[in-house]
Amino acid sequence: MYHEIGASMLSPWELGRLRLAEGAWEEASRYLEDCTAKAHDTGDLQALRLAQGTLAERDLLQGRPAAAHARLVPLLDRPGMEEWHVPRKPTATSSSSRRRG
């Protein structure tokens, strides 16, 4: 599951992030979709969130905010299921606070 690059061993998610940063979007997508599929198969919610979050970054870079939103909404906290490392859906107040700086 890990890939060797020089002296480093990288997971598909790490390779996907690296390729995304390098602008190799197709290659990044392959690594991240592979990570997403494996996370679904194993029930690894953390890996799923990492891969989907990175794919959402790609969607935004490609000018597709609706695709990024659709990808992330299923991963948000729900009542009775709150975790410290899970993003919460922004409220109108939090959005306007960020805009005012």
PDB file of N, CA and C in Angstrom:
ATOM      1  N   MET A   1       0.820  -1.191   0.000  1.00  0.00           N
ATOM      2  CA  MET A   1       0.000   0.000   0.000  1.00  0.00           C
ATOM      3  C   MET A   1       0.863   1.254   0.000  1.00  0.00           C
ATOM      4  N   TYR A   2       2.060   1.194   0.549  1.00  0.00           N
ATOM      5  CA  TYR A   2       2.955   2.340   0.541  1.00  0.00           C
ATOM      6  C   TYR A   2       3.836   2.282  -0.693  1.00  0.00           C
ATOM      7  N   HIS A   3       4.260   3.457  -1.156  1.00  0.00           N
ATOM      8  CA  HIS A   3       5.101   3.560  -2.334  1.00  0.00           C
ATOM      9  C   HIS A   3       6.406   4.224  -1.935  1.00  0.00           C
ATOM     10  N   GLU A   4       7.498   3.712  -2.487  1.00  0.00           N
ATOM     11  CA  GLU A   4       8.804   4.256  -2.158  1.00  0.00           C
ATOM     12  C   GLU A   4       9.165   5.366  -3.142  1.00  0.00           C
ATOM     13  N   ILE A   5       9.532   6.512  -2.595  1.00  0.00           N
ATOM     14  CA  ILE A   5      10.028   7.628  -3.398  1.00  0.00           C
ATOM     15  C   ILE A   5      11.315   8.083  -2.741  1.00  0.00           C
ATOM     16  N   GLY A   6      12.405   7.831  -3.398  1.00  0.00           N
ATOM     17  CA  GLY A   6      13.699   8.125  -2.787  1.00  0.00           C
ATOM     18  C   GLY A   6      13.832   7.306  -1.515  1.00  0.00           C
ATOM     19  N   ALA A   7      14.124   7.971  -0.406  1.00  0.00           N
ATOM     20  CA  ALA A   7      14.270   7.293   0.877  1.00  0.00           C
ATOM     21  C   ALA A   7      12.964   7.284   1.663  1.00  0.00           C
ATOM     22  N   SER A   8      11.890   7.813   1.073  1.00  0.00           N
ATOM     23  CA  SER A   8      10.625   7.943   1.799  1.00  0.00           C
ATOM     24  C   SER A   8       9.607   6.911   1.335  1.00  0.00           C
ATOM     25  N   MET A   9       8.769   6.506   2.267  1.00  0.00           N
ATOM     26  CA  MET A   9       7.644   5.625   1.960  1.00  0.00           C
ATOM     27  C   MET A   9       6.384   6.464   2.127  1.00  0.00           C
ATOM     28  N   LEU A  10       5.582   6.562   1.064  1.00  0.00           N
ATOM     29  CA  LEU A  10       4.399   7.409   1.093  1.00  0.00           C
ATOM     30  C   LEU A  10       3.134   6.590   0.854  1.00  0.00           C
ATOM     31  N   SER A  11       2.082   6.935   1.585  1.00  0.00           N
ATOM     32  CA  SER A  11       0.781   6.296   1.388  1.00  0.00           C
ATOM     33  C   SER A  11       0.123   6.884   0.139  1.00  0.00           C
ATOM     34  N   PRO A  12      -0.915   6.235  -0.382  1.00  0.00           N
ATOM     35  CA  PRO A  12      -1.629   6.815  -1.533  1.00  0.00           C
ATOM     36  C   PRO A  12      -2.152   8.218  -1.244  1.00  0.00           C
ATOM     37  N   TRP A  13      -2.619   8.459  -0.016  1.00  0.00           N
ATOM     38  CA  TRP A  13      -3.110   9.804   0.319  1.00  0.00           C
ATOM     39  C   TRP A  13      -1.974  10.828   0.251  1.00  0.00           C
ATOM     40  N   GLU A  14      -0.820  10.479   0.816  1.00  0.00           N
ATOM     41  CA  GLU A  14       0.322  11.399   0.779  1.00  0.00           C
ATOM     42  C   GLU A  14       0.775  11.652  -0.659  1.00  0.00           C
ATOM     43  N   LEU A  15       0.795  10.583  -1.468  1.00  0.00           N
ATOM     44  CA  LEU A  15       1.164  10.751  -2.874  1.00  0.00           C
ATOM     45  C   LEU A  15       0.144  11.612  -3.612  1.00  0.00           C
ATOM     46  N   GLY A  16      -1.122  11.416  -3.287  1.00  0.00           N
ATOM     47  CA  GLY A  16      -2.159  12.227  -3.902  1.00  0.00           C
ATOM     48  C   GLY A  16      -1.990  13.702  -3.575  1.00  0.00           C
ATOM     49  N   ARG A  17      -1.710  14.001  -2.317  1.00  0.00           N
ATOM     50  CA  ARG A  17      -1.488  15.402  -1.916  1.00  0.00           C
ATOM     51  C   ARG A  17      -0.258  15.974  -2.612  1.00  0.00           C
ATOM     52  N   LEU A  18       0.803  15.173  -2.684  1.00  0.00           N
ATOM     53  CA  LEU A  18       2.035  15.618  -3.334  1.00  0.00           C
ATOM     54  C   LEU A  18       1.778  15.917  -4.811  1.00  0.00           C
ATOM     55  N   ARG A  19       1.115  14.994  -5.502  1.00  0.00           N
ATOM     56  CA  ARG A  19       0.844  15.189  -6.937  1.00  0.00           C
ATOM     57  C   ARG A  19      -0.104  16.368  -7.160  1.00  0.00           C
ATOM     58  N   LEU A  20      -1.052  16.560  -6.255  1.00  0.00           N
ATOM     59  CA  LEU A  20      -1.951  17.702  -6.364  1.00  0.00           C
ATOM     60  C   LEU A  20      -1.162  19.009  -6.250  1.00  0.00           C
ATOM     61  N   ALA A  21      -0.254  19.063  -5.287  1.00  0.00           N
ATOM     62  CA  ALA A  21       0.580  20.259  -5.091  1.00  0.00           C
ATOM     63  C   ALA A  21       1.483  20.514  -6.293  1.00  0.00           C
ATOM     64  N   GLU A  22       1.873  19.455  -6.968  1.00  0.00           N
ATOM     65  CA  GLU A  22       2.729  19.580  -8.146  1.00  0.00           C
ATOM     66  C   GLU A  22       1.930  19.915  -9.409  1.00  0.00           C
ATOM     67  N   GLY A  23       0.596  19.889  -9.293  1.00  0.00           N
ATOM     68  CA  GLY A  23      -0.238  20.199 -10.446  1.00  0.00           C
ATOM     69  C   GLY A  23      -0.564  19.009 -11.319  1.00  0.00           C
ATOM     70  N   ALA A  24      -0.186  17.808 -10.886  1.00  0.00           N
ATOM     71  CA  ALA A  24      -0.485  16.580 -11.632  1.00  0.00           C
ATOM     72  C   ALA A  24      -1.842  16.061 -11.168  1.00  0.00           C
ATOM     73  N   TRP A  25      -2.907  16.741 -11.576  1.00  0.00           N
ATOM     74  CA  TRP A  25      -4.246  16.483 -11.046  1.00  0.00           C
ATOM     75  C   TRP A  25      -4.771  15.098 -11.388  1.00  0.00           C
ATOM     76  N   GLU A  26      -4.509  14.600 -12.575  1.00  0.00           N
ATOM     77  CA  GLU A  26      -5.009  13.267 -12.939  1.00  0.00           C
ATOM     78  C   GLU A  26      -4.353  12.183 -12.092  1.00  0.00           C
ATOM     79  N   GLU A  27      -3.040  12.274 -11.939  1.00  0.00           N
ATOM     80  CA  GLU A  27      -2.328  11.298 -11.120  1.00  0.00           C
ATOM     81  C   GLU A  27      -2.758  11.409  -9.654  1.00  0.00           C
ATOM     82  N   ALA A  28      -2.911  12.631  -9.174  1.00  0.00           N
ATOM     83  CA  ALA A  28      -3.373  12.850  -7.808  1.00  0.00           C
ATOM     84  C   ALA A  28      -4.741  12.215  -7.617  1.00  0.00           C
ATOM     85  N   SER A  29      -5.615  12.409  -8.584  1.00  0.00           N
ATOM     86  CA  SER A  29      -6.967  11.849  -8.495  1.00  0.00           C
ATOM     87  C   SER A  29      -6.941  10.333  -8.402  1.00  0.00           C
ATOM     88  N   ARG A  30      -6.067   9.700  -9.178  1.00  0.00           N
ATOM     89  CA  ARG A  30      -5.979   8.223  -9.128  1.00  0.00           C
ATOM     90  C   ARG A  30      -5.579   7.745  -7.735  1.00  0.00           C
ATOM     91  N   TYR A  31      -4.560   8.369  -7.147  1.00  0.00           N
ATOM     92  CA  TYR A  31      -4.122   7.979  -5.809  1.00  0.00           C
ATOM     93  C   TYR A  31      -5.234   8.211  -4.781  1.00  0.00           C
ATOM     94  N   LEU A  32      -5.888   9.359  -4.882  1.00  0.00           N
ATOM     95  CA  LEU A  32      -6.911   9.708  -3.893  1.00  0.00           C
ATOM     96  C   LEU A  32      -8.174   8.868  -4.054  1.00  0.00           C
ATOM     97  N   GLU A  33      -8.556   8.549  -5.276  1.00  0.00           N
ATOM     98  CA  GLU A  33      -9.710   7.663  -5.488  1.00  0.00           C
ATOM     99  C   GLU A  33      -9.400   6.252  -4.982  1.00  0.00           C
ATOM    100  N   ASP A  34      -8.145   5.813  -5.161  1.00  0.00           N
ATOM    101  CA  ASP A  34      -7.723   4.522  -4.637  1.00  0.00           C
ATOM    102  C   ASP A  34      -7.817   4.513  -3.112  1.00  0.00           C
ATOM    103  N   CYS A  35      -7.370   5.591  -2.499  1.00  0.00           N
ATOM    104  CA  CYS A  35      -7.437   5.729  -1.044  1.00  0.00           C
ATOM    105  C   CYS A  35      -8.896   5.712  -0.580  1.00  0.00           C
ATOM    106  N   THR A  36      -9.771   6.420  -1.304  1.00  0.00           N
ATOM    107  CA  THR A  36     -11.190   6.464  -0.970  1.00  0.00           C
ATOM    108  C   THR A  36     -11.816   5.077  -1.056  1.00  0.00           C
ATOM    109  N   ALA A  37     -11.507   4.345  -2.110  1.00  0.00           N
ATOM    110  CA  ALA A  37     -12.056   2.989  -2.284  1.00  0.00           C
ATOM    111  C   ALA A  37     -11.604   2.066  -1.157  1.00  0.00           C
ATOM    112  N   LYS A  38     -10.329   2.124  -0.822  1.00  0.00           N
ATOM    113  CA  LYS A  38      -9.813   1.277   0.266  1.00  0.00           C
ATOM    114  C   LYS A  38     -10.437   1.660   1.604  1.00  0.00           C
ATOM    115  N   ALA A  39     -10.629   2.957   1.822  1.00  0.00           N
ATOM    116  CA  ALA A  39     -11.239   3.417   3.070  1.00  0.00           C
ATOM    117  C   ALA A  39     -12.684   2.925   3.172  1.00  0.00           C
ATOM    118  N   HIS A  40     -13.413   2.962   2.060  1.00  0.00           N
ATOM    119  CA  HIS A  40     -14.779   2.430   2.044  1.00  0.00           C
ATOM    120  C   HIS A  40     -14.773   0.930   2.363  1.00  0.00           C
ATOM    121  N   ASP A  41     -13.861   0.207   1.718  1.00  0.00           N
ATOM    122  CA  ASP A  41     -13.793  -1.249   1.893  1.00  0.00           C
ATOM    123  C   ASP A  41     -13.477  -1.652   3.328  1.00  0.00           C
ATOM    124  N   THR A  42     -12.627  -0.876   3.984  1.00  0.00           N
ATOM    125  CA  THR A  42     -12.195  -1.224   5.337  1.00  0.00           C
ATOM    126  C   THR A  42     -12.976  -0.497   6.428  1.00  0.00           C
ATOM    127  N   GLY A  43     -13.814   0.462   6.033  1.00  0.00           N
ATOM    128  CA  GLY A  43     -14.567   1.225   7.026  1.00  0.00           C
ATOM    129  C   GLY A  43     -13.711   2.234   7.765  1.00  0.00           C
ATOM    130  N   ASP A  44     -12.607   2.655   7.152  1.00  0.00           N
ATOM    131  CA  ASP A  44     -11.686   3.604   7.788  1.00  0.00           C
ATOM    132  C   ASP A  44     -12.177   5.032   7.539  1.00  0.00           C
ATOM    133  N   LEU A  45     -12.947   5.567   8.481  1.00  0.00           N
ATOM    134  CA  LEU A  45     -13.545   6.885   8.327  1.00  0.00           C
ATOM    135  C   LEU A  45     -12.506   7.998   8.273  1.00  0.00           C
ATOM    136  N   GLN A  46     -11.430   7.863   9.037  1.00  0.00           N
ATOM    137  CA  GLN A  46     -10.394   8.896   9.021  1.00  0.00           C
ATOM    138  C   GLN A  46      -9.734   8.964   7.644  1.00  0.00           C
ATOM    139  N   ALA A  47      -9.377   7.821   7.073  1.00  0.00           N
ATOM    140  CA  ALA A  47      -8.765   7.808   5.743  1.00  0.00           C
ATOM    141  C   ALA A  47      -9.744   8.351   4.700  1.00  0.00           C
ATOM    142  N   LEU A  48     -11.028   8.024   4.850  1.00  0.00           N
ATOM    143  CA  LEU A  48     -12.038   8.523   3.930  1.00  0.00           C
ATOM    144  C   LEU A  48     -12.114  10.048   3.995  1.00  0.00           C
ATOM    145  N   ARG A  49     -12.101  10.591   5.200  1.00  0.00           N
ATOM    146  CA  ARG A  49     -12.160  12.050   5.357  1.00  0.00           C
ATOM    147  C   ARG A  49     -10.922  12.722   4.779  1.00  0.00           C
ATOM    148  N   LEU A  50      -9.758  12.136   4.990  1.00  0.00           N
ATOM    149  CA  LEU A  50      -8.530  12.716   4.448  1.00  0.00           C
ATOM    150  C   LEU A  50      -8.560  12.725   2.919  1.00  0.00           C
ATOM    151  N   ALA A  51      -8.913  11.598   2.337  1.00  0.00           N
ATOM    152  CA  ALA A  51      -8.926  11.494   0.874  1.00  0.00           C
ATOM    153  C   ALA A  51     -10.000  12.391   0.269  1.00  0.00           C
ATOM    154  N   GLN A  52     -11.191  12.360   0.834  1.00  0.00           N
ATOM    155  CA  GLN A  52     -12.276  13.178   0.295  1.00  0.00           C
ATOM    156  C   GLN A  52     -11.976  14.666   0.477  1.00  0.00           C
ATOM    157  N   GLY A  53     -11.351  15.031   1.592  1.00  0.00           N
ATOM    158  CA  GLY A  53     -10.970  16.422   1.806  1.00  0.00           C
ATOM    159  C   GLY A  53      -9.972  16.901   0.765  1.00  0.00           C
ATOM    160  N   THR A  54      -9.027  16.036   0.428  1.00  0.00           N
ATOM    161  CA  THR A  54      -8.034  16.397  -0.577  1.00  0.00           C
ATOM    162  C   THR A  54      -8.665  16.444  -1.967  1.00  0.00           C
ATOM    163  N   LEU A  55      -9.577  15.519  -2.237  1.00  0.00           N
ATOM    164  CA  LEU A  55     -10.301  15.572  -3.515  1.00  0.00           C
ATOM    165  C   LEU A  55     -11.150  16.845  -3.599  1.00  0.00           C
ATOM    166  N   ALA A  56     -11.683  17.287  -2.475  1.00  0.00           N
ATOM    167  CA  ALA A  56     -12.450  18.536  -2.455  1.00  0.00           C
ATOM    168  C   ALA A  56     -11.531  19.727  -2.759  1.00  0.00           C
ATOM    169  N   GLU A  57     -10.304  19.690  -2.257  1.00  0.00           N
ATOM    170  CA  GLU A  57      -9.334  20.740  -2.608  1.00  0.00           C
ATOM    171  C   GLU A  57      -9.122  20.768  -4.115  1.00  0.00           C
ATOM    172  N   ARG A  58      -8.966  19.585  -4.701  1.00  0.00           N
ATOM    173  CA  ARG A  58      -8.807  19.499  -6.152  1.00  0.00           C
ATOM    174  C   ARG A  58     -10.022  20.088  -6.871  1.00  0.00           C
ATOM    175  N   ASP A  59     -11.217  19.722  -6.386  1.00  0.00           N
ATOM    176  CA  ASP A  59     -12.447  20.246  -6.986  1.00  0.00           C
ATOM    177  C   ASP A  59     -12.439  21.780  -6.967  1.00  0.00           C
ATOM    178  N   LEU A  60     -12.035  22.362  -5.854  1.00  0.00           N
ATOM    179  CA  LEU A  60     -11.986  23.823  -5.749  1.00  0.00           C
ATOM    180  C   LEU A  60     -10.959  24.415  -6.710  1.00  0.00           C
ATOM    181  N   LEU A  61      -9.794  23.782  -6.801  1.00  0.00           N
ATOM    182  CA  LEU A  61      -8.762  24.257  -7.723  1.00  0.00           C
ATOM    183  C   LEU A  61      -9.242  24.201  -9.171  1.00  0.00           C
ATOM    184  N   GLN A  62     -10.122  23.265  -9.455  1.00  0.00           N
ATOM    185  CA  GLN A  62     -10.660  23.119 -10.811  1.00  0.00           C
ATOM    186  C   GLN A  62     -11.911  23.972 -11.024  1.00  0.00           C
ATOM    187  N   GLY A  63     -12.245  24.805 -10.044  1.00  0.00           N
ATOM    188  CA  GLY A  63     -13.389  25.696 -10.183  1.00  0.00           C
ATOM    189  C   GLY A  63     -14.725  24.997 -10.038  1.00  0.00           C
ATOM    190  N   ARG A  64     -14.775  23.940  -9.220  1.00  0.00           N
ATOM    191  CA  ARG A  64     -16.011  23.185  -9.035  1.00  0.00           C
ATOM    192  C   ARG A  64     -16.412  23.161  -7.555  1.00  0.00           C
ATOM    193  N   PRO A  65     -16.812  24.306  -7.008  1.00  0.00           N
ATOM    194  CA  PRO A  65     -17.164  24.363  -5.583  1.00  0.00           C
ATOM    195  C   PRO A  65     -18.355  23.480  -5.221  1.00  0.00           C
ATOM    196  N   ALA A  66     -19.318  23.326  -6.117  1.00  0.00           N
ATOM    197  CA  ALA A  66     -20.474  22.471  -5.810  1.00  0.00           C
ATOM    198  C   ALA A  66     -20.051  21.020  -5.639  1.00  0.00           C
ATOM    199  N   ALA A  67     -19.085  20.571  -6.435  1.00  0.00           N
ATOM    200  CA  ALA A  67     -18.582  19.199  -6.309  1.00  0.00           C
ATOM    201  C   ALA A  67     -17.849  19.025  -4.972  1.00  0.00           C
ATOM    202  N   ALA A  68     -17.071  20.033  -4.581  1.00  0.00           N
ATOM    203  CA  ALA A  68     -16.362  19.974  -3.295  1.00  0.00           C
ATOM    204  C   ALA A  68     -17.366  19.911  -2.146  1.00  0.00           C
ATOM    205  N   HIS A  69     -18.395  20.735  -2.215  1.00  0.00           N
ATOM    206  CA  HIS A  69     -19.422  20.757  -1.177  1.00  0.00           C
ATOM    207  C   HIS A  69     -20.124  19.402  -1.083  1.00  0.00           C
ATOM    208  N   ALA A  70     -20.524  18.858  -2.218  1.00  0.00           N
ATOM    209  CA  ALA A  70     -21.220  17.563  -2.231  1.00  0.00           C
ATOM    210  C   ALA A  70     -20.336  16.444  -1.691  1.00  0.00           C
ATOM    211  N   ARG A  71     -19.048  16.554  -1.911  1.00  0.00           N
ATOM    212  CA  ARG A  71     -18.103  15.541  -1.444  1.00  0.00           C
ATOM    213  C   ARG A  71     -17.941  15.593   0.078  1.00  0.00           C
ATOM    214  N   LEU A  72     -18.014  16.797   0.656  1.00  0.00           N
ATOM    215  CA  LEU A  72     -17.728  16.966   2.079  1.00  0.00           C
ATOM    216  C   LEU A  72     -18.942  16.866   2.995  1.00  0.00           C
ATOM    217  N   VAL A  73     -20.111  17.253   2.537  1.00  0.00           N
ATOM    218  CA  VAL A  73     -21.298  17.266   3.393  1.00  0.00           C
ATOM    219  C   VAL A  73     -21.551  15.919   4.071  1.00  0.00           C
ATOM    220  N   PRO A  74     -21.423  14.792   3.365  1.00  0.00           N
ATOM    221  CA  PRO A  74     -21.667  13.511   4.048  1.00  0.00           C
ATOM    222  C   PRO A  74     -20.680  13.198   5.178  1.00  0.00           C
ATOM    223  N   LEU A  75     -19.574  13.933   5.230  1.00  0.00           N
ATOM    224  CA  LEU A  75     -18.551  13.654   6.233  1.00  0.00           C
ATOM    225  C   LEU A  75     -18.634  14.560   7.453  1.00  0.00           C
ATOM    226  N   LEU A  76     -19.585  15.492   7.463  1.00  0.00           N
ATOM    227  CA  LEU A  76     -19.724  16.410   8.595  1.00  0.00           C
ATOM    228  C   LEU A  76     -20.275  15.696   9.821  1.00  0.00           C
ATOM    229  N   ASP A  77     -20.016  16.290  10.987  1.00  0.00           N
ATOM    230  CA  ASP A  77     -20.607  15.787  12.232  1.00  0.00           C
ATOM    231  C   ASP A  77     -22.123  15.827  12.144  1.00  0.00           C
ATOM    232  N   ARG A  78     -22.749  14.939  12.866  1.00  0.00           N
ATOM    233  CA  ARG A  78     -24.201  14.914  12.989  1.00  0.00           C
ATOM    234  C   ARG A  78     -24.551  14.922  14.469  1.00  0.00           C
ATOM    235  N   PRO A  79     -25.767  15.315  14.816  1.00  0.00           N
ATOM    236  CA  PRO A  79     -26.147  15.299  16.233  1.00  0.00           C
ATOM    237  C   PRO A  79     -25.873  13.923  16.853  1.00  0.00           C
ATOM    238  N   GLY A  80     -25.238  13.941  17.999  1.00  0.00           N
ATOM    239  CA  GLY A  80     -24.913  12.704  18.695  1.00  0.00           C
ATOM    240  C   GLY A  80     -23.641  12.052  18.204  1.00  0.00           C
ATOM    241  N   MET A  81     -23.001  12.613  17.197  1.00  0.00           N
ATOM    242  CA  MET A  81     -21.763  12.052  16.652  1.00  0.00           C
ATOM    243  C   MET A  81     -20.795  13.201  16.405  1.00  0.00           C
ATOM    244  N   GLU A  82     -20.224  13.721  17.464  1.00  0.00           N
ATOM    245  CA  GLU A  82     -19.298  14.827  17.317  1.00  0.00           C
ATOM    246  C   GLU A  82     -17.895  14.379  17.674  1.00  0.00           C
ATOM    247  N   GLU A  83     -16.969  14.670  16.780  1.00  0.00           N
ATOM    248  CA  GLU A  83     -15.572  14.331  16.978  1.00  0.00           C
ATOM    249  C   GLU A  83     -14.755  15.607  16.846  1.00  0.00           C
ATOM    250  N   TRP A  84     -13.669  15.697  17.549  1.00  0.00           N
ATOM    251  CA  TRP A  84     -12.892  16.925  17.577  1.00  0.00           C
ATOM    252  C   TRP A  84     -12.241  17.242  16.241  1.00  0.00           C
ATOM    253  N   HIS A  85     -11.924  16.256  15.431  1.00  0.00           N
ATOM    254  CA  HIS A  85     -11.188  16.501  14.185  1.00  0.00           C
ATOM    255  C   HIS A  85     -12.084  16.528  12.944  1.00  0.00           C
ATOM    256  N   VAL A  86     -13.394  16.616  13.141  1.00  0.00           N
ATOM    257  CA  VAL A  86     -14.333  16.636  12.024  1.00  0.00           C
ATOM    258  C   VAL A  86     -14.816  18.058  11.803  1.00  0.00           C
ATOM    259  N   PRO A  87     -14.769  18.527  10.554  1.00  0.00           N
ATOM    260  CA  PRO A  87     -15.249  19.889  10.302  1.00  0.00           C
ATOM    261  C   PRO A  87     -16.747  20.005  10.546  1.00  0.00           C
ATOM    262  N   ARG A  88     -17.146  21.157  10.993  1.00  0.00           N
ATOM    263  CA  ARG A  88     -18.563  21.429  11.172  1.00  0.00           C
ATOM    264  C   ARG A  88     -19.016  22.349  10.061  1.00  0.00           C
ATOM    265  N   LYS A  89     -20.259  22.226   9.684  1.00  0.00           N
ATOM    266  CA  LYS A  89     -20.799  23.071   8.621  1.00  0.00           C
ATOM    267  C   LYS A  89     -20.787  24.518   9.102  1.00  0.00           C
ATOM    268  N   PRO A  90     -20.184  25.424   8.320  1.00  0.00           N
ATOM    269  CA  PRO A  90     -20.135  26.824   8.747  1.00  0.00           C
ATOM    270  C   PRO A  90     -21.531  27.428   8.824  1.00  0.00           C
ATOM    271  N   THR A  91     -21.699  28.289   9.800  1.00  0.00           N
ATOM    272  CA  THR A  91     -22.970  29.010   9.933  1.00  0.00           C
ATOM    273  C   THR A  91     -22.829  30.365   9.256  1.00  0.00           C
ATOM    274  N   ALA A  92     -23.942  31.045   9.073  1.00  0.00           N
ATOM    275  CA  ALA A  92     -23.908  32.378   8.461  1.00  0.00           C
ATOM    276  C   ALA A  92     -23.059  33.322   9.303  1.00  0.00           C
ATOM    277  N   THR A  93     -23.133  33.192  10.615  1.00  0.00           N
ATOM    278  CA  THR A  93     -22.359  34.056  11.513  1.00  0.00           C
ATOM    279  C   THR A  93     -20.868  33.814  11.344  1.00  0.00           C
ATOM    280  N   SER A  94     -20.448  32.554  11.298  1.00  0.00           N
ATOM    281  CA  SER A  94     -19.016  32.276  11.172  1.00  0.00           C
ATOM    282  C   SER A  94     -18.500  32.738   9.821  1.00  0.00           C
ATOM    283  N   SER A  95     -19.300  32.637   8.766  1.00  0.00           N
ATOM    284  CA  SER A  95     -18.882  33.100   7.440  1.00  0.00           C
ATOM    285  C   SER A  95     -18.705  34.604   7.419  1.00  0.00           C
ATOM    286  N   SER A  96     -19.670  35.332   7.999  1.00  0.00           N
ATOM    287  CA  SER A  96     -19.566  36.788   7.966  1.00  0.00           C
ATOM    288  C   SER A  96     -18.435  37.265   8.862  1.00  0.00           C
ATOM    289  N   SER A  97     -18.144  36.562   9.932  1.00  0.00           N
ATOM    290  CA  SER A  97     -17.020  36.939  10.794  1.00  0.00           C
ATOM    291  C   SER A  97     -15.704  36.823  10.060  1.00  0.00           C
ATOM    292  N   ARG A  98     -15.560  35.770   9.262  1.00  0.00           N
ATOM    293  CA  ARG A  98     -14.324  35.588   8.504  1.00  0.00           C
ATOM    294  C   ARG A  98     -14.152  36.687   7.451  1.00  0.00           C
ATOM    295  N   ARG A  99     -15.242  37.088   6.835  1.00  0.00           N
ATOM    296  CA  ARG A  99     -15.155  38.117   5.800  1.00  0.00           C
ATOM    297  C   ARG A  99     -14.737  39.463   6.371  1.00  0.00           C
ATOM    298  N   ARG A 100     -15.184  39.775   7.600  1.00  0.00           N
ATOM    299  CA  ARG A 100     -14.837  41.061   8.206  1.00  0.00           C
ATOM    300  C   ARG A 100     -13.405  41.086   8.677  1.00  0.00           C
ATOM    301  N   GLY A 101     -12.816  39.891   8.889  1.00  0.00           N
ATOM    302  CA  GLY A 101     -11.422  39.812   9.281  1.00  0.00           C
ATOM    303  C   GLY A 101     -11.275  40.023  10.708  1.00  0.00           C
TER     304      GLY A 101
END
